[in-house]
Amino acid sequence: MPHERDGPLPSANPAARRAKGRLVNLLDGRRAEDVDRAARQLADGGLVAMPTETVYGLAARADDDRAVAAIYAAKGRPADHPLIVHVLDRSGAEHFADALGGDAGRLIDAFWPGPVTVIVRRAAGQADAAAARLGTIALRCPAHPVARALLTRCRELGVEGLAAPSANRFGGVSPTTAGHVRAEFGESMLVLDGGACELGIESSIVDCSRDAPVLLRPGVLTRDRLEDALGRALAEPGDDATAAPGTLDSHYAPAATLRLMAGEQLRQAIAMLPPSMSGLAVYSRTAPRRPWVRPMPDDARAVAHELYAVLREFDARGVKLIWVEQPPDTAEWEGVNDRLQRAAAP
């Protein structure tokens, strides 16, 4: 469980004590003492929700199988579904990897710190539970300044890597603010607040453990940029694709039923509806304006930034059905389309 501050709280009033107690588990990532508290909790085998430039992660020290088991339990995540290990730099990655040359090395040189995860052969005996006891491990070096401050302090405390899947219940919409995390896990979860995530969807995942690199999950980094760094084409995942986070057919799903629709189909459907509707929300680039239509930006990165927040907003309003206009089928939209297709899957 998260640790409380040492010593009594200043107020003798029970209601004030409860209010104060709620605040002590929401930490400010700009404060060195709060980063230190989060790092010490992680070093002691506890859980901390941490910001990254993509989404908030639910972190535990990757070298402690009992701590990692607490992530699986909190999320309701199957223990055979591997996690991404977040590291401060290439040296941290070398602690967990058998080797970091070739394709993985080229991606690391081009994009770390940043939103790309490499899957490589795992060093024997390292991060067993985080890797779901597979022979491979997923590694990422986040760029968010609060994540980097936390990883720096963790290293000083003897922790080289943090297993950190998205800080939400398994299969649901990922969180992009500290408030989203608290809505998922309540006030007992220690959350290091780093503001709203800049990118808003998870990292690209490239399997570099095979003869040819395979893009298992697209992100904000386009396929062209990844291939330019690799110096060769990315292969498509086959039936024997390496197990990786966020690659189930159904994932990133709101509580409401989400339906993807082509623009013309969506506009025709809206034309048949009365101006006043309940239980429906629409997220669209081209639909006519209605009270229940949320405009979608024309820019893919802007949509990635706000997508999960929009879906969470719809759920908070209690809608039962979400209609989303299918974005363009172009390289810059690949990450957003991937998340929407999985969110709409049965």
Foldseek 3Di string as FASTA:
>chain_A
DQDADPDDDDDPDVVVSVVVRLPRLEAELVDLVRLLSQLVCQLVLAWEFEAFLAFIWTKHQLQDLVSVVVVCVLQVHDQQFAFEKEFAAVVLVVVWAPDQDALNVLCRVVAPQHQEKEKAATDPSTSCSNGSNDRIHIYHYTDQPSVNSSNVSNVVSVGGIIGIDFLAHWQAAGHQFQVVNCVHRNSVHRYHGDGGRQQQHHGFYWYPHDPAIATQAHGQDFQVNSCVSNVHHHDYDDPPGDRHPPRDLAGRAAQAAEDEDAPVVVQVVVVPDDLDDAQEAEEECDHDDGPRYDYADLAQRSCSRCVSVVSVVSVVSVHRYYYYYQHDPDRSNRNVNSSRSNNNDD
